[in-house]
PDB file of N, CA and C in Angstrom:
ATOM      1  N   MET A   1       0.815  -1.191   0.000  1.00  0.00           N
ATOM      2  CA  MET A   1       0.000   0.000   0.000  1.00  0.00           C
ATOM      3  C   MET A   1       0.863   1.262   0.000  1.00  0.00           C
ATOM      4  N   ASN A   2       2.036   1.201   0.598  1.00  0.00           N
ATOM      5  CA  ASN A   2       2.929   2.340   0.674  1.00  0.00           C
ATOM      6  C   ASN A   2       3.425   2.732  -0.718  1.00  0.00           C
ATOM      7  N   GLY A   3       3.714   1.768  -1.585  1.00  0.00           N
ATOM      8  CA  GLY A   3       4.162   2.039  -2.949  1.00  0.00           C
ATOM      9  C   GLY A   3       3.102   2.750  -3.768  1.00  0.00           C
ATOM     10  N   PHE A   4       1.847   2.352  -3.605  1.00  0.00           N
ATOM     11  CA  PHE A   4       0.760   2.985  -4.346  1.00  0.00           C
ATOM     12  C   PHE A   4       0.568   4.441  -3.913  1.00  0.00           C
ATOM     13  N   SER A   5       0.674   4.713  -2.631  1.00  0.00           N
ATOM     14  CA  SER A   5       0.502   6.092  -2.146  1.00  0.00           C
ATOM     15  C   SER A   5       1.656   6.989  -2.609  1.00  0.00           C
ATOM     16  N   ASP A   6       2.891   6.430  -2.670  1.00  0.00           N
ATOM     17  CA  ASP A   6       4.019   7.211  -3.194  1.00  0.00           C
ATOM     18  C   ASP A   6       3.801   7.539  -4.669  1.00  0.00           C
ATOM     19  N   PHE A   7       3.324   6.549  -5.446  1.00  0.00           N
ATOM     20  CA  PHE A   7       3.059   6.780  -6.860  1.00  0.00           C
ATOM     21  C   PHE A   7       1.984   7.842  -7.043  1.00  0.00           C
ATOM     22  N   LEU A   8       0.927   7.756  -6.253  1.00  0.00           N
ATOM     23  CA  LEU A   8      -0.164   8.727  -6.340  1.00  0.00           C
ATOM     24  C   LEU A   8       0.315  10.125  -5.943  1.00  0.00           C
ATOM     25  N   GLU A   9       1.183  10.174  -4.942  1.00  0.00           N
ATOM     26  CA  GLU A   9       1.726  11.469  -4.498  1.00  0.00           C
ATOM     27  C   GLU A   9       2.580  12.102  -5.598  1.00  0.00           C
ATOM     28  N   ARG A  10       3.411  11.283  -6.286  1.00  0.00           N
ATOM     29  CA  ARG A  10       4.245  11.813  -7.370  1.00  0.00           C
ATOM     30  C   ARG A  10       3.393  12.286  -8.537  1.00  0.00           C
ATOM     31  N   VAL A  11       2.342  11.572  -8.847  1.00  0.00           N
ATOM     32  CA  VAL A  11       1.453  11.973  -9.948  1.00  0.00           C
ATOM     33  C   VAL A  11       0.764  13.292  -9.606  1.00  0.00           C
ATOM     34  N   LEU A  12       0.295  13.419  -8.380  1.00  0.00           N
ATOM     35  CA  LEU A  12      -0.379  14.665  -7.982  1.00  0.00           C
ATOM     36  C   LEU A  12       0.587  15.848  -7.959  1.00  0.00           C
ATOM     37  N   ARG A  13       1.818  15.614  -7.501  1.00  0.00           N
ATOM     38  CA  ARG A  13       2.828  16.698  -7.539  1.00  0.00           C
ATOM     39  C   ARG A  13       3.100  17.121  -8.982  1.00  0.00           C
ATOM     40  N   GLY A  14       3.248  16.145  -9.867  1.00  0.00           N
ATOM     41  CA  GLY A  14       3.480  16.455 -11.279  1.00  0.00           C
ATOM     42  C   GLY A  14       2.319  17.228 -11.886  1.00  0.00           C
ATOM     43  N   LEU A  15       1.100  16.840 -11.563  1.00  0.00           N
ATOM     44  CA  LEU A  15      -0.063  17.574 -12.067  1.00  0.00           C
ATOM     45  C   LEU A  15      -0.124  18.992 -11.510  1.00  0.00           C
ATOM     46  N   LEU A  16       0.203  19.135 -10.232  1.00  0.00           N
ATOM     47  CA  LEU A  16       0.215  20.471  -9.629  1.00  0.00           C
ATOM     48  C   LEU A  16       1.261  21.360 -10.292  1.00  0.00           C
ATOM     49  N   LYS A  17       2.456  20.825 -10.532  1.00  0.00           N
ATOM     50  CA  LYS A  17       3.497  21.603 -11.215  1.00  0.00           C
ATOM     51  C   LYS A  17       3.064  21.977 -12.614  1.00  0.00           C
ATOM     52  N   LEU A  18       2.441  21.043 -13.325  1.00  0.00           N
ATOM     53  CA  LEU A  18       1.969  21.320 -14.674  1.00  0.00           C
ATOM     54  C   LEU A  18       0.908  22.414 -14.672  1.00  0.00           C
ATOM     55  N   VAL A  19      -0.011  22.373 -13.725  1.00  0.00           N
ATOM     56  CA  VAL A  19      -1.055  23.393 -13.627  1.00  0.00           C
ATOM     57  C   VAL A  19      -0.439  24.755 -13.315  1.00  0.00           C
ATOM     58  N   LEU A  20       0.550  24.797 -12.414  1.00  0.00           N
ATOM     59  CA  LEU A  20       1.188  26.073 -12.069  1.00  0.00           C
ATOM     60  C   LEU A  20       1.988  26.641 -13.250  1.00  0.00           C
ATOM     61  N   VAL A  21       2.670  25.789 -13.982  1.00  0.00           N
ATOM     62  CA  VAL A  21       3.410  26.249 -15.157  1.00  0.00           C
ATOM     63  C   VAL A  21       2.459  26.781 -16.211  1.00  0.00           C
ATOM     64  N   LEU A  22       1.364  26.090 -16.435  1.00  0.00           N
ATOM     65  CA  LEU A  22       0.376  26.569 -17.413  1.00  0.00           C
ATOM     66  C   LEU A  22      -0.245  27.891 -16.973  1.00  0.00           C
ATOM     67  N   ALA A  23      -0.508  28.046 -15.675  1.00  0.00           N
ATOM     68  CA  ALA A  23      -1.064  29.307 -15.170  1.00  0.00           C
ATOM     69  C   ALA A  23      -0.075  30.449 -15.366  1.00  0.00           C
ATOM     70  N   ALA A  24       1.199  30.189 -15.099  1.00  0.00           N
ATOM     71  CA  ALA A  24       2.220  31.216 -15.315  1.00  0.00           C
ATOM     72  C   ALA A  24       2.331  31.573 -16.788  1.00  0.00           C
ATOM     73  N   LEU A  25       2.260  30.574 -17.642  1.00  0.00           N
ATOM     74  CA  LEU A  25       2.329  30.815 -19.081  1.00  0.00           C
ATOM     75  C   LEU A  25       1.147  31.648 -19.559  1.00  0.00           C
ATOM     76  N   VAL A  26      -0.045  31.334 -19.080  1.00  0.00           N
ATOM     77  CA  VAL A  26      -1.235  32.117 -19.443  1.00  0.00           C
ATOM     78  C   VAL A  26      -1.096  33.554 -18.956  1.00  0.00           C
ATOM     79  N   PHE A  27      -0.557  33.744 -17.743  1.00  0.00           N
ATOM     80  CA  PHE A  27      -0.374  35.091 -17.208  1.00  0.00           C
ATOM     81  C   PHE A  27       0.593  35.887 -18.067  1.00  0.00           C
ATOM     82  N   VAL A  28       1.734  35.305 -18.418  1.00  0.00           N
ATOM     83  CA  VAL A  28       2.745  36.019 -19.211  1.00  0.00           C
ATOM     84  C   VAL A  28       2.205  36.358 -20.597  1.00  0.00           C
ATOM     85  N   VAL A  29       1.543  35.402 -21.226  1.00  0.00           N
ATOM     86  CA  VAL A  29       1.004  35.655 -22.568  1.00  0.00           C
ATOM     87  C   VAL A  29      -0.073  36.729 -22.515  1.00  0.00           C
ATOM     88  N   SER A  30      -0.941  36.699 -21.516  1.00  0.00           N
ATOM     89  CA  SER A  30      -1.984  37.729 -21.419  1.00  0.00           C
ATOM     90  C   SER A  30      -1.378  39.098 -21.122  1.00  0.00           C
ATOM     91  N   PHE A  31      -0.326  39.143 -20.319  1.00  0.00           N
ATOM     92  CA  PHE A  31       0.335  40.416 -20.037  1.00  0.00           C
ATOM     93  C   PHE A  31       0.966  40.990 -21.300  1.00  0.00           C
ATOM     94  N   LEU A  32       1.647  40.147 -22.082  1.00  0.00           N
ATOM     95  CA  LEU A  32       2.238  40.614 -23.334  1.00  0.00           C
ATOM     96  C   LEU A  32       1.172  41.057 -24.328  1.00  0.00           C
ATOM     97  N   LEU A  33       0.077  40.347 -24.379  1.00  0.00           N
ATOM     98  CA  LEU A  33      -1.015  40.728 -25.274  1.00  0.00           C
ATOM     99  C   LEU A  33      -1.620  42.075 -24.860  1.00  0.00           C
ATOM    100  N   ALA A  34      -1.801  42.271 -23.557  1.00  0.00           N
ATOM    101  CA  ALA A  34      -2.325  43.550 -23.074  1.00  0.00           C
ATOM    102  C   ALA A  34      -1.354  44.693 -23.398  1.00  0.00           C
ATOM    103  N   ALA A  35      -0.059  44.450 -23.236  1.00  0.00           N
ATOM    104  CA  ALA A  35       0.930  45.485 -23.569  1.00  0.00           C
ATOM    105  C   ALA A  35       0.901  45.806 -25.054  1.00  0.00           C
ATOM    106  N   LEU A  36       0.740  44.788 -25.882  1.00  0.00           N
ATOM    107  CA  LEU A  36       0.662  44.998 -27.324  1.00  0.00           C
ATOM    108  C   LEU A  36      -0.578  45.812 -27.697  1.00  0.00           C
ATOM    109  N   VAL A  37      -1.692  45.532 -27.059  1.00  0.00           N
ATOM    110  CA  VAL A  37      -2.923  46.287 -27.314  1.00  0.00           C
ATOM    111  C   VAL A  37      -2.755  47.751 -26.905  1.00  0.00           C
ATOM    112  N   VAL A  38      -2.111  47.994 -25.765  1.00  0.00           N
ATOM    113  CA  VAL A  38      -1.899  49.377 -25.305  1.00  0.00           C
ATOM    114  C   VAL A  38      -0.980  50.120 -26.273  1.00  0.00           C
ATOM    115  N   VAL A  39       0.104  49.480 -26.702  1.00  0.00           N
ATOM    116  CA  VAL A  39       1.023  50.135 -27.641  1.00  0.00           C
ATOM    117  C   VAL A  39       0.320  50.433 -28.964  1.00  0.00           C
ATOM    118  N   ALA A  40      -0.467  49.496 -29.448  1.00  0.00           N
ATOM    119  CA  ALA A  40      -1.204  49.727 -30.700  1.00  0.00           C
ATOM    120  C   ALA A  40      -2.218  50.853 -30.528  1.00  0.00           C
ATOM    121  N   GLY A  41      -2.911  50.881 -29.395  1.00  0.00           N
ATOM    122  CA  GLY A  41      -3.884  51.947 -29.148  1.00  0.00           C
ATOM    123  C   GLY A  41      -3.237  53.316 -29.068  1.00  0.00           C
ATOM    124  N   VAL A  42      -2.116  53.406 -28.363  1.00  0.00           N
ATOM    125  CA  VAL A  42      -1.416  54.693 -28.252  1.00  0.00           C
ATOM    126  C   VAL A  42      -0.878  55.118 -29.618  1.00  0.00           C
ATOM    127  N   SER A  43      -0.381  54.168 -30.395  1.00  0.00           N
ATOM    128  CA  SER A  43       0.114  54.496 -31.737  1.00  0.00           C
ATOM    129  C   SER A  43      -1.008  55.007 -32.631  1.00  0.00           C
ATOM    130  N   LEU A  44      -2.169  54.346 -32.589  1.00  0.00           N
ATOM    131  CA  LEU A  44      -3.305  54.825 -33.388  1.00  0.00           C
ATOM    132  C   LEU A  44      -3.768  56.203 -32.931  1.00  0.00           C
ATOM    133  N   TRP A  45      -3.829  56.406 -31.625  1.00  0.00           N
ATOM    134  CA  TRP A  45      -4.239  57.707 -31.103  1.00  0.00           C
ATOM    135  C   TRP A  45      -3.259  58.798 -31.536  1.00  0.00           C
ATOM    136  N   THR A  46      -1.975  58.473 -31.557  1.00  0.00           N
ATOM    137  CA  THR A  46      -0.965  59.426 -32.000  1.00  0.00           C
ATOM    138  C   THR A  46      -1.145  59.755 -33.474  1.00  0.00           C
ATOM    139  N   LEU A  47      -1.440  58.749 -34.286  1.00  0.00           N
ATOM    140  CA  LEU A  47      -1.646  58.995 -35.708  1.00  0.00           C
ATOM    141  C   LEU A  47      -2.908  59.808 -35.965  1.00  0.00           C
ATOM    142  N   ILE A  48      -3.953  59.549 -35.198  1.00  0.00           N
ATOM    143  CA  ILE A  48      -5.216  60.262 -35.402  1.00  0.00           C
ATOM    144  C   ILE A  48      -5.091  61.722 -34.988  1.00  0.00           C
ATOM    145  N   THR A  49      -4.528  61.964 -33.819  1.00  0.00           N
ATOM    146  CA  THR A  49      -4.451  63.341 -33.309  1.00  0.00           C
ATOM    147  C   THR A  49      -3.274  64.114 -33.872  1.00  0.00           C
ATOM    148  N   GLY A  50      -2.238  63.416 -34.327  1.00  0.00           N
ATOM    149  CA  GLY A  50      -1.069  64.101 -34.865  1.00  0.00           C
ATOM    150  C   GLY A  50      -0.151  64.658 -33.799  1.00  0.00           C
ATOM    151  N   ARG A  51      -0.349  64.259 -32.563  1.00  0.00           N
ATOM    152  CA  ARG A  51       0.499  64.733 -31.458  1.00  0.00           C
ATOM    153  C   ARG A  51       1.238  63.562 -30.841  1.00  0.00           C
ATOM    154  N   LYS A  52       2.427  63.857 -30.335  1.00  0.00           N
ATOM    155  CA  LYS A  52       3.197  62.824 -29.665  1.00  0.00           C
ATOM    156  C   LYS A  52       2.602  62.573 -28.276  1.00  0.00           C
ATOM    157  N   PRO A  53       2.724  61.358 -27.775  1.00  0.00           N
ATOM    158  CA  PRO A  53       2.257  61.100 -26.410  1.00  0.00           C
ATOM    159  C   PRO A  53       3.073  61.906 -25.393  1.00  0.00           C
ATOM    160  N   ALA A  54       2.460  62.222 -24.267  1.00  0.00           N
ATOM    161  CA  ALA A  54       3.107  63.061 -23.259  1.00  0.00           C
ATOM    162  C   ALA A  54       4.428  62.484 -22.750  1.00  0.00           C
ATOM    163  N   PRO A  55       4.543  61.176 -22.464  1.00  0.00           N
ATOM    164  CA  PRO A  55       5.845  60.684 -21.992  1.00  0.00           C
ATOM    165  C   PRO A  55       6.958  60.864 -23.018  1.00  0.00           C
ATOM    166  N   VAL A  56       6.640  60.723 -24.303  1.00  0.00           N
ATOM    167  CA  VAL A  56       7.656  60.908 -25.339  1.00  0.00           C
ATOM    168  C   VAL A  56       8.115  62.350 -25.364  1.00  0.00           C
ATOM    169  N   VAL A  57       7.173  63.283 -25.256  1.00  0.00           N
ATOM    170  CA  VAL A  57       7.514  64.703 -25.264  1.00  0.00           C
ATOM    171  C   VAL A  57       8.359  65.035 -24.039  1.00  0.00           C
ATOM    172  N   MET A  58       7.978  64.514 -22.871  1.00  0.00           N
ATOM    173  CA  MET A  58       8.716  64.816 -21.647  1.00  0.00           C
ATOM    174  C   MET A  58      10.159  64.321 -21.738  1.00  0.00           C
ATOM    175  N   PHE A  59      10.347  63.070 -22.192  1.00  0.00           N
ATOM    176  CA  PHE A  59      11.699  62.537 -22.266  1.00  0.00           C
ATOM    177  C   PHE A  59      12.523  63.211 -23.351  1.00  0.00           C
ATOM    178  N   SER A  60      11.905  63.630 -24.442  1.00  0.00           N
ATOM    179  CA  SER A  60      12.669  64.332 -25.472  1.00  0.00           C
ATOM    180  C   SER A  60      13.103  65.704 -24.971  1.00  0.00           C
ATOM    181  N   ARG A  61      12.256  66.378 -24.196  1.00  0.00           N
ATOM    182  CA  ARG A  61      12.665  67.666 -23.613  1.00  0.00           C
ATOM    183  C   ARG A  61      13.785  67.485 -22.600  1.00  0.00           C
ATOM    184  N   MET A  62      13.688  66.431 -21.789  1.00  0.00           N
ATOM    185  CA  MET A  62      14.759  66.170 -20.819  1.00  0.00           C
ATOM    186  C   MET A  62      16.071  65.887 -21.536  1.00  0.00           C
ATOM    187  N   ARG A  63      16.001  65.160 -22.643  1.00  0.00           N
ATOM    188  CA  ARG A  63      17.222  64.854 -23.389  1.00  0.00           C
ATOM    189  C   ARG A  63      17.817  66.115 -24.002  1.00  0.00           C
ATOM    190  N   GLU A  64      16.977  66.989 -24.539  1.00  0.00           N
ATOM    191  CA  GLU A  64      17.473  68.241 -25.103  1.00  0.00           C
ATOM    192  C   GLU A  64      18.167  69.078 -24.037  1.00  0.00           C
ATOM    193  N   GLN A  65      17.563  69.162 -22.852  1.00  0.00           N
ATOM    194  CA  GLN A  65      18.170  69.934 -21.773  1.00  0.00           C
ATOM    195  C   GLN A  65      19.498  69.332 -21.332  1.00  0.00           C
ATOM    196  N   SER A  66      19.557  68.005 -21.228  1.00  0.00           N
ATOM    197  CA  SER A  66      20.804  67.389 -20.797  1.00  0.00           C
ATOM    198  C   SER A  66      21.890  67.554 -21.855  1.00  0.00           C
ATOM    199  N   GLN A  67      21.528  67.524 -23.121  1.00  0.00           N
ATOM    200  CA  GLN A  67      22.526  67.729 -24.165  1.00  0.00           C
ATOM    201  C   GLN A  67      23.029  69.164 -24.162  1.00  0.00           C
ATOM    202  N   ARG A  68      22.182  70.081 -23.773  1.00  0.00           N
ATOM    203  CA  ARG A  68      22.593  71.481 -23.726  1.00  0.00           C
ATOM    204  C   ARG A  68      23.691  71.706 -22.698  1.00  0.00           C
ATOM    205  N   TYR A  69      23.596  71.001 -21.568  1.00  0.00           N
ATOM    206  CA  TYR A  69      24.570  71.208 -20.503  1.00  0.00           C
ATOM    207  C   TYR A  69      25.755  70.269 -20.570  1.00  0.00           C
ATOM    208  N   THR A  70      25.663  69.176 -21.316  1.00  0.00           N
ATOM    209  CA  THR A  70      26.773  68.224 -21.365  1.00  0.00           C
ATOM    210  C   THR A  70      27.443  68.189 -22.725  1.00  0.00           C
ATOM    211  N   ARG A  71      27.233  69.172 -23.546  1.00  0.00           N
ATOM    212  CA  ARG A  71      27.816  69.178 -24.875  1.00  0.00           C
ATOM    213  C   ARG A  71      29.337  69.226 -24.778  1.00  0.00           C
ATOM    214  N   GLY A  72      29.993  68.256 -25.350  1.00  0.00           N
ATOM    215  CA  GLY A  72      31.447  68.229 -25.374  1.00  0.00           C
ATOM    216  C   GLY A  72      32.083  67.650 -24.132  1.00  0.00           C
ATOM    217  N   VAL A  73      31.293  67.185 -23.174  1.00  0.00           N
ATOM    218  CA  VAL A  73      31.861  66.659 -21.940  1.00  0.00           C
ATOM    219  C   VAL A  73      32.346  65.240 -22.137  1.00  0.00           C
ATOM    220  N   TRP A  74      31.553  64.402 -22.805  1.00  0.00           N
ATOM    221  CA  TRP A  74      31.893  62.987 -22.953  1.00  0.00           C
ATOM    222  C   TRP A  74      32.782  62.795 -24.169  1.00  0.00           C
ATOM    223  N   PRO A  75      33.838  61.975 -24.036  1.00  0.00           N
ATOM    224  CA  PRO A  75      34.711  61.738 -25.183  1.00  0.00           C
ATOM    225  C   PRO A  75      33.982  60.944 -26.262  1.00  0.00           C
ATOM    226  N   GLY A  76      34.276  61.284 -27.504  1.00  0.00           N
ATOM    227  CA  GLY A  76      33.663  60.577 -28.619  1.00  0.00           C
ATOM    228  C   GLY A  76      32.296  61.098 -28.983  1.00  0.00           C
ATOM    229  N   GLN A  77      31.820  62.113 -28.280  1.00  0.00           N
ATOM    230  CA  GLN A  77      30.495  62.665 -28.564  1.00  0.00           C
ATOM    231  C   GLN A  77      30.630  63.725 -29.643  1.00  0.00           C
ATOM    232  N   ALA A  78      29.741  63.655 -30.616  1.00  0.00           N
ATOM    233  CA  ALA A  78      29.771  64.654 -31.672  1.00  0.00           C
ATOM    234  C   ALA A  78      29.281  65.984 -31.114  1.00  0.00           C
ATOM    235  N   GLY A  79      29.961  67.034 -31.443  1.00  0.00           N
ATOM    236  CA  GLY A  79      29.566  68.345 -30.942  1.00  0.00           C
ATOM    237  C   GLY A  79      30.565  69.365 -31.440  1.00  0.00           C
ATOM    238  N   ALA A  80      30.674  70.442 -30.712  1.00  0.00           N
ATOM    239  CA  ALA A  80      31.614  71.481 -31.081  1.00  0.00           C
ATOM    240  C   ALA A  80      33.039  70.963 -30.918  1.00  0.00           C
ATOM    241  N   PRO A  81      33.930  71.273 -31.880  1.00  0.00           N
ATOM    242  CA  PRO A  81      35.300  70.795 -31.758  1.00  0.00           C
ATOM    243  C   PRO A  81      35.999  71.469 -30.576  1.00  0.00           C
ATOM    244  N   ALA A  82      36.874  70.722 -29.965  1.00  0.00           N
ATOM    245  CA  ALA A  82      37.616  71.257 -28.829  1.00  0.00           C
ATOM    246  C   ALA A  82      38.611  72.298 -29.322  1.00  0.00           C
ATOM    247  N   GLY A  83      38.975  73.231 -28.439  1.00  0.00           N
ATOM    248  CA  GLY A  83      39.921  74.276 -28.800  1.00  0.00           C
ATOM    249  C   GLY A  83      41.324  73.718 -28.961  1.00  0.00           C
ATOM    250  N   ASP A  84      42.235  74.584 -29.381  1.00  0.00           N
ATOM    251  CA  ASP A  84      43.622  74.167 -29.567  1.00  0.00           C
ATOM    252  C   ASP A  84      44.241  73.839 -28.219  1.00  0.00           C
ATOM    253  N   VAL A  85      45.133  72.881 -28.237  1.00  0.00           N
ATOM    254  CA  VAL A  85      45.853  72.508 -27.027  1.00  0.00           C
ATOM    255  C   VAL A  85      47.118  73.338 -26.971  1.00  0.00           C
ATOM    256  N   VAL A  86      47.337  73.974 -25.830  1.00  0.00           N
ATOM    257  CA  VAL A  86      48.499  74.834 -25.664  1.00  0.00           C
ATOM    258  C   VAL A  86      49.372  74.239 -24.576  1.00  0.00           C
ATOM    259  N   ASP A  87      50.642  73.981 -24.921  1.00  0.00           N
ATOM    260  CA  ASP A  87      51.590  73.514 -23.923  1.00  0.00           C
ATOM    261  C   ASP A  87      52.205  74.716 -23.228  1.00  0.00           C
ATOM    262  N   VAL A  88      52.332  74.612 -21.935  1.00  0.00           N
ATOM    263  CA  VAL A  88      52.951  75.689 -21.169  1.00  0.00           C
ATOM    264  C   VAL A  88      54.124  75.125 -20.405  1.00  0.00           C
ATOM    265  N   GLN A  89      55.046  76.012 -20.066  1.00  0.00           N
ATOM    266  CA  GLN A  89      56.198  75.626 -19.270  1.00  0.00           C
ATOM    267  C   GLN A  89      55.794  75.700 -17.799  1.00  0.00           C
ATOM    268  N   ALA A  90      55.984  74.616 -17.071  1.00  0.00           N
ATOM    269  CA  ALA A  90      55.638  74.590 -15.647  1.00  0.00           C
ATOM    270  C   ALA A  90      56.676  75.367 -14.860  1.00  0.00           C
ATOM    271  N   THR A  91      56.193  76.185 -13.942  1.00  0.00           N
ATOM    272  CA  THR A  91      57.099  76.918 -13.048  1.00  0.00           C
ATOM    273  C   THR A  91      56.737  76.604 -11.620  1.00  0.00           C
ATOM    274  N   GLU A  92      57.735  76.574 -10.761  1.00  0.00           N
ATOM    275  CA  GLU A  92      57.506  76.256  -9.360  1.00  0.00           C
ATOM    276  C   GLU A  92      57.138  77.531  -8.616  1.00  0.00           C
ATOM    277  N   VAL A  93      56.128  77.433  -7.767  1.00  0.00           N
ATOM    278  CA  VAL A  93      55.660  78.589  -7.013  1.00  0.00           C
ATOM    279  C   VAL A  93      56.209  78.474  -5.595  1.00  0.00           C
ATOM    280  N   PRO A  94      56.853  79.530  -5.117  1.00  0.00           N
ATOM    281  CA  PRO A  94      57.361  79.480  -3.740  1.00  0.00           C
ATOM    282  C   PRO A  94      56.201  79.412  -2.749  1.00  0.00           C
ATOM    283  N   GLU A  95      56.455  78.848  -1.593  1.00  0.00           N
ATOM    284  CA  GLU A  95      55.401  78.623  -0.609  1.00  0.00           C
ATOM    285  C   GLU A  95      54.836  79.933  -0.061  1.00  0.00           C
ATOM    286  N   ALA A  96      55.631  80.965   0.089  1.00  0.00           N
ATOM    287  CA  ALA A  96      55.154  82.235   0.630  1.00  0.00           C
ATOM    288  C   ALA A  96      54.182  82.897  -0.334  1.00  0.00           C
ATOM    289  N   ALA A  97      54.399  82.736  -1.620  1.00  0.00           N
ATOM    290  CA  ALA A  97      53.513  83.347  -2.610  1.00  0.00           C
ATOM    291  C   ALA A  97      52.240  82.544  -2.781  1.00  0.00           C
ATOM    292  N   ALA A  98      52.203  81.328  -2.303  1.00  0.00           N
ATOM    293  CA  ALA A  98      51.028  80.486  -2.471  1.00  0.00           C
ATOM    294  C   ALA A  98      49.927  80.822  -1.476  1.00  0.00           C
ATOM    295  N   GLY A  99      50.120  81.769  -0.601  1.00  0.00           N
ATOM    296  CA  GLY A  99      49.067  82.151   0.317  1.00  0.00           C
ATOM    297  C   GLY A  99      49.302  81.663   1.728  1.00  0.00           C
ATOM    298  N   GLY A 100      50.381  80.929   1.956  1.00  0.00           N
ATOM    299  CA  GLY A 100      50.671  80.465   3.312  1.00  0.00           C
ATOM    300  C   GLY A 100      51.186  81.634   4.134  1.00  0.00           C
ATOM    301  N   SER A 101      50.660  81.801   5.296  1.00  0.00           N
ATOM    302  CA  SER A 101      51.143  82.909   6.128  1.00  0.00           C
ATOM    303  C   SER A 101      52.181  82.357   7.090  1.00  0.00           C
ATOM    304  N   PRO A 102      53.438  82.684   6.841  1.00  0.00           N
ATOM    305  CA  PRO A 102      54.485  82.155   7.710  1.00  0.00           C
ATOM    306  C   PRO A 102      54.430  82.784   9.100  1.00  0.00           C
ATOM    307  N   ASP A 103      54.888  82.004  10.050  1.00  0.00           N
ATOM    308  CA  ASP A 103      54.999  82.511  11.416  1.00  0.00           C
ATOM    309  C   ASP A 103      56.127  83.536  11.474  1.00  0.00           C
ATOM    310  N   PRO A 104      56.153  84.329  12.558  1.00  0.00           N
ATOM    311  CA  PRO A 104      57.230  85.325  12.669  1.00  0.00           C
ATOM    312  C   PRO A 104      58.614  84.681  12.663  1.00  0.00           C
ATOM    313  N   ASP A 105      58.747  83.453  13.106  1.00  0.00           N
ATOM    314  CA  ASP A 105      60.071  82.837  13.109  1.00  0.00           C
ATOM    315  C   ASP A 105      60.369  82.133  11.783  1.00  0.00           C
ATOM    316  N   GLY A 106      59.535  82.308  10.741  1.00  0.00           N
ATOM    317  CA  GLY A 106      59.847  81.813   9.407  1.00  0.00           C
ATOM    318  C   GLY A 106      59.250  80.467   9.067  1.00  0.00           C
ATOM    319  N   ALA A 107      58.601  79.784   9.999  1.00  0.00           N
ATOM    320  CA  ALA A 107      58.016  78.470   9.712  1.00  0.00           C
ATOM    321  C   ALA A 107      56.603  78.652   9.159  1.00  0.00           C
ATOM    322  N   ALA A 108      56.195  77.722   8.328  1.00  0.00           N
ATOM    323  CA  ALA A 108      54.847  77.782   7.759  1.00  0.00           C
ATOM    324  C   ALA A 108      53.830  77.435   8.834  1.00  0.00           C
ATOM    325  N   SER A 109      52.615  77.944   8.708  1.00  0.00           N
ATOM    326  CA  SER A 109      51.578  77.674   9.702  1.00  0.00           C
ATOM    327  C   SER A 109      51.138  76.220   9.599  1.00  0.00           C
ATOM    328  N   PRO A 110      50.871  75.579  10.739  1.00  0.00           N
ATOM    329  CA  PRO A 110      50.455  74.175  10.704  1.00  0.00           C
ATOM    330  C   PRO A 110      49.028  74.038  10.197  1.00  0.00           C
ATOM    331  N   GLY A 111      48.698  72.875   9.630  1.00  0.00           N
ATOM    332  CA  GLY A 111      47.353  72.607   9.176  1.00  0.00           C
ATOM    333  C   GLY A 111      47.141  73.030   7.738  1.00  0.00           C
ATOM    334  N   PRO A 112      46.032  72.604   7.184  1.00  0.00           N
ATOM    335  CA  PRO A 112      45.741  72.930   5.781  1.00  0.00           C
ATOM    336  C   PRO A 112      45.334  74.396   5.631  1.00  0.00           C
ATOM    337  N   ASP A 113      45.621  74.943   4.471  1.00  0.00           N
ATOM    338  CA  ASP A 113      45.195  76.306   4.158  1.00  0.00           C
ATOM    339  C   ASP A 113      43.728  76.273   3.791  1.00  0.00           C
ATOM    340  N   ARG A 114      42.948  77.107   4.425  1.00  0.00           N
ATOM    341  CA  ARG A 114      41.536  77.169   4.122  1.00  0.00           C
ATOM    342  C   ARG A 114      41.239  78.457   3.366  1.00  0.00           C
ATOM    343  N   VAL A 115      40.546  78.292   2.239  1.00  0.00           N
ATOM    344  CA  VAL A 115      40.189  79.438   1.425  1.00  0.00           C
ATOM    345  C   VAL A 115      38.701  79.683   1.642  1.00  0.00           C
ATOM    346  N   LEU A 116      38.356  80.880   2.065  1.00  0.00           N
ATOM    347  CA  LEU A 116      36.954  81.234   2.251  1.00  0.00           C
ATOM    348  C   LEU A 116      36.434  81.864   0.978  1.00  0.00           C
ATOM    349  N   ARG A 117      35.262  81.420   0.567  1.00  0.00           N
ATOM    350  CA  ARG A 117      34.678  81.971  -0.662  1.00  0.00           C
ATOM    351  C   ARG A 117      33.413  82.682  -0.331  1.00  0.00           C
TER     352      ARG A 117
END
């Protein structure tokens, strides 16, 4: 009797898995079909009215604004050509001229220099 109950249990588990897989498949297919219907409806509405959908307009405006502020920042991006490169001769700046206020005995002040803006 134990063998028969194990066989019945395996058959029922297999049927349950099959039912769950089929339910998931029906859900995914219905979701894709609903998405396709929405895209087709929005496309037809766009063709009828002659206006772009609001999300498309919003994202295109955001892209235009971002391109306005990032023009020429990323390498390889088409845009205005970069200016000429000018090589300069490096010169060493003495510490007193750099803004460090030396102590009366000639030593530099301890700690980092803080610039107030």
